[in-house]
């Protein structure tokens, strides 16, 4: 589907077909294409109000398309990657038009942004007090691969399609959250033990109809993993927290947030190549995923999804 938004007045009126529908009808894979007309501010040199509104619009289009294609698992990361590439193009592009393309190609989701500028973007290390300059660093951390076209005008990145759409439907929660239970845990080595103790009481009171012993073990492992690997010793005010969330379908979502906004070895960890904690969780049939959180995507949340079942005696 191509959405031309010249003049910034038109909106997307029809959703792209699902991957299966496109394959059966045309043999093609899904794609979303958007053309943006830039309106630079001639006086300040900053982004105009019209241009600054585009990243949020693109996130909405991306979310809608990926959910329609049966890939809700890619939404959070794809939104972040597209936001960074599009914002960079709006700031530094040399043409009035910017082309955005999101497509499923073979075993990857590919995001491309063409800003018309032959100047190749460069990865740089931002200083702690810099307000910007971290865009490509996030792309480097989050994408499976990224690069620039030979003429320098198009920056692209990819995300792997680890599972097919049918499998991913079972990973994501199938119903809205009906109840949230926050857990007040200290950001230190005592957190895993306290999480285990408090979860036993909370799950009993909530009467969650599932394997509560397994849920307690999963929470303990996720909290321990965060404490052991995501914290910087001695640094104050690091984002940390845990939630137990119950859905209307009686699923239990265990969310643990930590201050490390990346998980580069996630696939290897759940495959047992980096320790056996997360691998053991997935081996028991628990689904794991992670996504960026925080006001500036300065943290991540690891989520475990447990299905309801017989309560242990």
Protein backbone atom coordinates (compact mmCIF):
# COMPACT_ATOMS: atom_id res chain seq x y z
CA UNK A 1 0.00 0.00 0.00
CA UNK A 2 1.26 3.47 -0.86
CA UNK A 3 0.14 6.47 1.16
CA UNK A 4 1.03 9.82 -0.44
CA UNK A 5 0.62 12.62 2.07
CA UNK A 6 1.78 15.58 0.03
CA UNK A 7 0.68 18.81 1.67
CA UNK A 8 0.28 16.85 4.91
CA UNK A 9 -3.51 16.79 4.45
CA UNK A 10 -4.33 13.23 3.37
CA UNK A 11 -4.52 10.22 5.64
CA UNK A 12 -4.34 6.48 5.20
CA UNK A 13 -7.84 5.24 4.33
CA UNK A 14 -7.37 1.51 3.85
CA UNK A 15 -5.34 -1.05 5.74
CA UNK A 16 -2.82 -3.18 3.84
CA UNK A 17 -3.71 -6.78 3.26
CA UNK A 18 -2.39 -9.46 5.55
CA UNK A 19 0.72 -11.37 4.58
CA UNK A 20 -1.29 -14.47 3.74
CA UNK A 21 -3.77 -12.51 1.61
CA UNK A 22 -1.04 -10.85 -0.41
CA UNK A 23 0.82 -14.09 -0.94
CA UNK A 24 -2.32 -15.87 -2.17
CA UNK A 25 -3.44 -13.02 -4.46
CA UNK A 26 -0.21 -11.68 -5.92
CA UNK A 27 2.69 -13.67 -4.56
CA UNK A 28 3.98 -10.44 -2.98
CA UNK A 29 4.71 -9.67 0.65
CA UNK A 30 3.20 -6.73 2.59
CA UNK A 31 4.62 -3.24 2.24
CA UNK A 32 3.70 0.22 3.49
CA UNK A 33 5.00 3.26 1.62
CA UNK A 34 4.62 6.86 2.73
CA UNK A 35 5.74 10.05 1.00
CA UNK A 36 6.27 13.04 3.31
CA UNK A 37 6.49 16.64 2.16
CA UNK A 38 8.94 18.46 4.44
CA UNK A 39 8.17 21.99 5.61
CA UNK A 40 11.40 23.29 7.16
CA UNK A 41 11.24 26.34 9.39
CA UNK A 42 13.07 29.02 7.34
CA UNK A 43 13.77 31.25 10.33
CA UNK A 44 14.90 29.15 13.29
CA UNK A 45 16.48 26.21 11.49
CA UNK A 46 14.58 23.89 13.85
CA UNK A 47 11.87 21.44 12.91
CA UNK A 48 8.62 23.13 12.01
CA UNK A 49 5.51 22.14 13.91
CA UNK A 50 4.24 20.32 10.83
CA UNK A 51 7.43 18.28 10.46
CA UNK A 52 7.65 17.53 14.18
CA UNK A 53 4.23 15.85 14.01
CA UNK A 54 5.41 13.22 11.53
CA UNK A 55 7.16 10.71 13.80
CA UNK A 56 3.97 10.17 15.80
CA UNK A 57 1.93 9.76 12.59
CA UNK A 58 4.41 7.22 11.28
CA UNK A 59 4.27 5.28 14.54
CA UNK A 60 0.49 5.00 14.23
CA UNK A 61 0.73 3.79 10.64
CA UNK A 62 3.43 1.29 11.58
CA UNK A 63 1.47 -0.07 14.52
CA UNK A 64 -1.70 -0.49 12.46
CA UNK A 65 0.12 -2.17 9.58
CA UNK A 66 2.10 -4.63 11.68
CA UNK A 67 -0.93 -5.63 13.71
CA UNK A 68 -2.90 -6.16 10.51
CA UNK A 69 -0.06 -8.26 9.09
CA UNK A 70 -0.16 -10.46 12.19
CA UNK A 71 3.16 -9.20 13.60
CA UNK A 72 2.30 -7.34 16.85
CA UNK A 73 5.57 -8.65 18.31
CA UNK A 74 7.51 -6.22 16.09
CA UNK A 75 5.51 -3.08 16.86
CA UNK A 76 7.50 -1.61 19.76
CA UNK A 77 10.92 -2.04 18.16
CA UNK A 78 9.80 -1.07 14.66
CA UNK A 79 8.19 2.12 15.97
CA UNK A 80 11.40 3.11 17.72
CA UNK A 81 13.62 2.39 14.72
CA UNK A 82 11.38 4.24 12.29
CA UNK A 83 11.11 7.21 14.65
CA UNK A 84 14.88 7.55 14.83
CA UNK A 85 15.43 7.23 11.07
CA UNK A 86 12.55 9.55 10.16
CA UNK A 87 13.56 12.20 12.71
CA UNK A 88 17.10 12.15 11.36
CA UNK A 89 15.76 12.60 7.83
CA UNK A 90 13.50 15.48 8.85
CA UNK A 91 16.44 17.27 10.44
CA UNK A 92 19.10 16.58 7.84
CA UNK A 93 17.38 15.71 4.56
CA UNK A 94 18.24 17.75 1.49
CA UNK A 95 15.01 17.24 -0.47
CA UNK A 96 11.49 18.48 0.22
CA UNK A 97 10.17 14.92 -0.03
CA UNK A 98 11.08 12.02 2.27
CA UNK A 99 10.21 8.47 1.33
CA UNK A 100 9.43 5.86 3.97
CA UNK A 101 9.00 2.20 3.20
CA UNK A 102 8.28 -0.69 5.58
CA UNK A 103 8.15 -4.13 4.02
CA UNK A 104 8.32 -7.80 4.86
CA UNK A 105 11.08 -9.26 2.72
CA UNK A 106 11.90 -12.94 3.04
CA UNK A 107 12.77 -13.52 6.71
CA UNK A 108 13.03 -9.85 7.74
CA UNK A 109 11.05 -6.68 8.27
CA UNK A 110 12.90 -3.90 6.44
CA UNK A 111 12.54 -0.19 7.22
CA UNK A 112 13.88 2.32 4.68
CA UNK A 113 13.95 6.12 4.85
CA UNK A 114 15.10 8.13 1.82
CA UNK A 115 15.95 11.76 2.65
CA UNK A 116 17.62 12.67 -0.64
CA UNK A 117 20.87 13.68 1.03
CA UNK A 118 24.10 12.12 -0.30
CA UNK A 119 25.77 12.74 3.09
CA UNK A 120 26.02 9.38 4.80
CA UNK A 121 24.84 9.34 8.44
CA UNK A 122 27.55 8.33 10.90
CA UNK A 123 27.28 6.52 14.20
CA UNK A 124 28.70 8.64 17.03
CA UNK A 125 28.91 8.44 20.80
CA UNK A 126 26.84 11.17 22.43
CA UNK A 127 28.13 12.77 25.61
CA UNK A 128 26.06 12.24 28.79
CA UNK A 129 24.71 15.81 28.72
CA UNK A 130 23.90 15.84 25.00
CA UNK A 131 20.18 16.18 24.23
CA UNK A 132 20.48 14.26 20.98
CA UNK A 133 22.90 12.19 18.93
CA UNK A 134 21.76 8.77 20.16
CA UNK A 135 19.48 7.87 17.27
CA UNK A 136 21.82 5.69 15.25
CA UNK A 137 23.23 4.20 18.43
CA UNK A 138 19.75 2.93 19.27
CA UNK A 139 19.38 1.62 15.73
CA UNK A 140 22.72 -0.15 16.10
CA UNK A 141 21.55 -1.77 19.35
CA UNK A 142 18.01 -2.68 18.34
CA UNK A 143 18.17 -3.62 14.67
CA UNK A 144 19.34 -6.94 13.32
CA UNK A 145 21.32 -5.01 10.71
CA UNK A 146 21.43 -1.48 9.31
CA UNK A 147 23.19 0.43 6.58
CA UNK A 148 23.09 3.15 3.93
CA UNK A 149 22.48 2.84 0.20
CA UNK A 150 25.41 3.29 -2.18
CA UNK A 151 24.30 6.83 -3.10
CA UNK A 152 23.92 7.77 0.57
CA UNK A 153 20.26 8.82 0.25
CA UNK A 154 18.55 5.88 1.96
CA UNK A 155 19.16 4.57 5.46
CA UNK A 156 17.73 1.14 6.20
CA UNK A 157 17.50 -1.39 9.01
CA UNK A 158 16.02 -4.85 9.47
CA UNK A 159 14.35 -6.93 12.15
CA UNK A 160 14.28 -10.73 11.92
CA UNK A 161 10.98 -12.55 11.57
CA UNK A 162 11.89 -15.16 14.18
CA UNK A 163 8.43 -16.70 14.26
CA UNK A 164 5.58 -16.83 11.78
CA UNK A 165 2.39 -14.83 12.32
CA UNK A 166 0.46 -17.81 13.66
CA UNK A 167 3.11 -18.52 16.30
CA UNK A 168 3.34 -14.90 17.35
CA UNK A 169 -0.37 -14.73 18.05
CA UNK A 170 0.29 -17.14 20.90
CA UNK A 171 3.15 -15.01 22.26
CA UNK A 172 1.22 -11.78 22.66
CA UNK A 173 -1.45 -11.50 25.33
CA UNK A 174 -4.81 -12.38 23.81
CA UNK A 175 -6.99 -10.08 25.91
CA UNK A 176 -6.89 -6.65 27.59
CA UNK A 177 -5.41 -6.31 31.06
CA UNK A 178 -8.12 -6.32 33.71
CA UNK A 179 -5.99 -5.92 36.84
CA UNK A 180 -2.52 -4.62 37.65
CA UNK A 181 -0.58 -5.50 40.79
CA UNK A 182 2.58 -3.41 41.32
CA UNK A 183 5.42 -4.88 43.33
CA UNK A 184 7.53 -2.55 45.45
CA UNK A 185 11.03 -4.00 45.23
CA UNK A 186 14.39 -2.50 46.21
CA UNK A 187 16.93 -2.04 43.44
CA UNK A 188 19.51 -4.30 45.05
CA UNK A 189 20.46 -7.93 45.51
CA UNK A 190 17.62 -8.53 47.98
CA UNK A 191 15.00 -7.96 45.25
CA UNK A 192 14.81 -11.54 43.85
CA UNK A 193 14.17 -13.09 47.26
CA UNK A 194 11.60 -10.47 48.22
CA UNK A 195 9.89 -10.89 44.86
CA UNK A 196 9.48 -14.61 45.50
CA UNK A 197 8.02 -14.06 48.98
CA UNK A 198 5.60 -11.30 48.00
CA UNK A 199 4.45 -13.01 44.80
CA UNK A 200 3.24 -16.04 46.71
CA UNK A 201 0.88 -13.88 48.75
CA UNK A 202 -0.22 -11.68 45.85
CA UNK A 203 -1.05 -14.57 43.54
CA UNK A 204 -2.95 -16.37 46.29
CA UNK A 205 -5.02 -13.28 47.06
CA UNK A 206 -5.62 -12.63 43.37
CA UNK A 207 -6.70 -16.28 42.95
CA UNK A 208 -4.99 -16.55 39.59
CA UNK A 209 -6.14 -19.87 38.05
CA UNK A 210 -2.74 -21.07 36.91
CA UNK A 211 0.47 -22.68 38.09
CA UNK A 212 1.35 -20.27 40.87
CA UNK A 213 4.56 -22.07 41.84
CA UNK A 214 5.81 -21.71 38.27
CA UNK A 215 4.80 -18.03 38.21
CA UNK A 216 6.78 -17.33 41.38
CA UNK A 217 9.85 -19.04 39.91
CA UNK A 218 9.55 -17.06 36.68
CA UNK A 219 9.27 -13.75 38.52
CA UNK A 220 12.27 -14.61 40.67
CA UNK A 221 14.37 -15.42 37.59
CA UNK A 222 13.41 -12.23 35.72
CA UNK A 223 14.11 -10.02 38.74
CA UNK A 224 17.40 -11.79 39.42
CA UNK A 225 18.41 -11.40 35.77
CA UNK A 226 17.69 -7.65 35.95
CA UNK A 227 19.63 -7.17 39.18
CA UNK A 228 22.60 -9.20 38.02
CA UNK A 229 22.98 -7.84 34.49
CA UNK A 230 21.18 -4.52 34.01
CA UNK A 231 22.21 -2.31 36.93
CA UNK A 232 25.19 0.00 37.21
CA UNK A 233 26.61 -0.32 40.72
CA UNK A 234 26.37 2.89 42.71
CA UNK A 235 24.25 4.80 40.19
CA UNK A 236 21.13 6.34 41.81
CA UNK A 237 17.57 6.49 40.49
CA UNK A 238 17.82 3.66 38.00
CA UNK A 239 14.40 2.60 36.62
CA UNK A 240 13.33 -0.68 38.15
CA UNK A 241 10.02 -2.30 38.91
CA UNK A 242 7.81 -5.34 38.58
CA UNK A 243 4.13 -5.79 37.81
CA UNK A 244 1.79 -8.74 37.85
CA UNK A 245 -0.93 -8.13 35.28
CA UNK A 246 -4.04 -10.28 34.83
CA UNK A 247 -5.88 -10.24 31.51
CA UNK A 248 -9.55 -10.79 30.83
CA UNK A 249 -8.55 -14.20 29.42
CA UNK A 250 -6.97 -15.07 32.82
CA UNK A 251 -3.43 -14.88 31.48
CA UNK A 252 -0.73 -13.71 33.84
CA UNK A 253 1.75 -11.15 32.52
CA UNK A 254 4.92 -10.80 34.58
CA UNK A 255 6.66 -7.55 33.66
CA UNK A 256 10.09 -6.63 35.03
CA UNK A 257 11.59 -3.27 34.04
CA UNK A 258 15.30 -2.52 34.32
CA UNK A 259 17.62 0.36 33.30
CA UNK A 260 19.37 -1.33 30.35
CA UNK A 261 17.64 -0.23 27.11
CA UNK A 262 18.89 -3.17 25.08
CA UNK A 263 18.93 -6.96 25.14
CA UNK A 264 21.35 -7.86 22.33
CA UNK A 265 21.68 -11.53 23.35
CA UNK A 266 17.99 -12.19 23.97
CA UNK A 267 17.62 -14.88 21.31
CA UNK A 268 20.79 -16.61 22.48
CA UNK A 269 19.66 -16.39 26.11
CA UNK A 270 16.31 -18.05 25.53
CA UNK A 271 18.11 -20.70 23.45
CA UNK A 272 20.34 -21.54 26.42
CA UNK A 273 23.56 -20.18 24.91
CA UNK A 274 24.02 -17.58 27.67
CA UNK A 275 23.08 -19.32 30.90
CA UNK A 276 20.05 -21.48 31.49
CA UNK A 277 17.69 -19.24 33.45
CA UNK A 278 15.63 -17.79 30.58
CA UNK A 279 16.01 -20.99 28.58
CA UNK A 280 14.49 -22.96 31.45
CA UNK A 281 11.53 -20.59 31.50
CA UNK A 282 10.82 -21.01 27.80
CA UNK A 283 11.39 -24.77 28.04
CA UNK A 284 8.43 -24.89 30.43
CA UNK A 285 6.18 -23.35 27.78
CA UNK A 286 6.27 -19.77 29.10
CA UNK A 287 6.48 -17.13 26.39
CA UNK A 288 9.09 -14.38 26.78
CA UNK A 289 9.42 -11.06 24.99
CA UNK A 290 10.99 -7.68 25.67
CA UNK A 291 10.40 -4.10 24.61
CA UNK A 292 11.70 -0.60 25.29
CA UNK A 293 10.02 1.49 27.97
CA UNK A 294 10.70 4.70 29.85
CA UNK A 295 10.01 8.32 28.96
CA UNK A 296 12.99 8.41 26.60
CA UNK A 297 13.25 4.70 25.88
CA UNK A 298 15.90 4.59 28.60
CA UNK A 299 14.74 1.27 30.02
CA UNK A 300 13.40 -2.09 28.89
CA UNK A 301 10.73 -4.44 30.14
CA UNK A 302 11.02 -8.21 29.96
CA UNK A 303 7.61 -9.88 29.88
CA UNK A 304 6.65 -13.46 30.63
CA UNK A 305 3.21 -14.66 29.56
CA UNK A 306 1.71 -17.56 31.48
CA UNK A 307 -1.52 -19.23 30.44
CA UNK A 308 -4.18 -20.20 32.94
CA UNK A 309 -4.57 -23.84 33.94
CA UNK A 310 -5.08 -26.09 36.89
CA UNK A 311 -3.96 -24.57 40.18
CA UNK A 312 -1.34 -26.63 42.00
CA UNK A 313 -2.51 -28.33 45.18
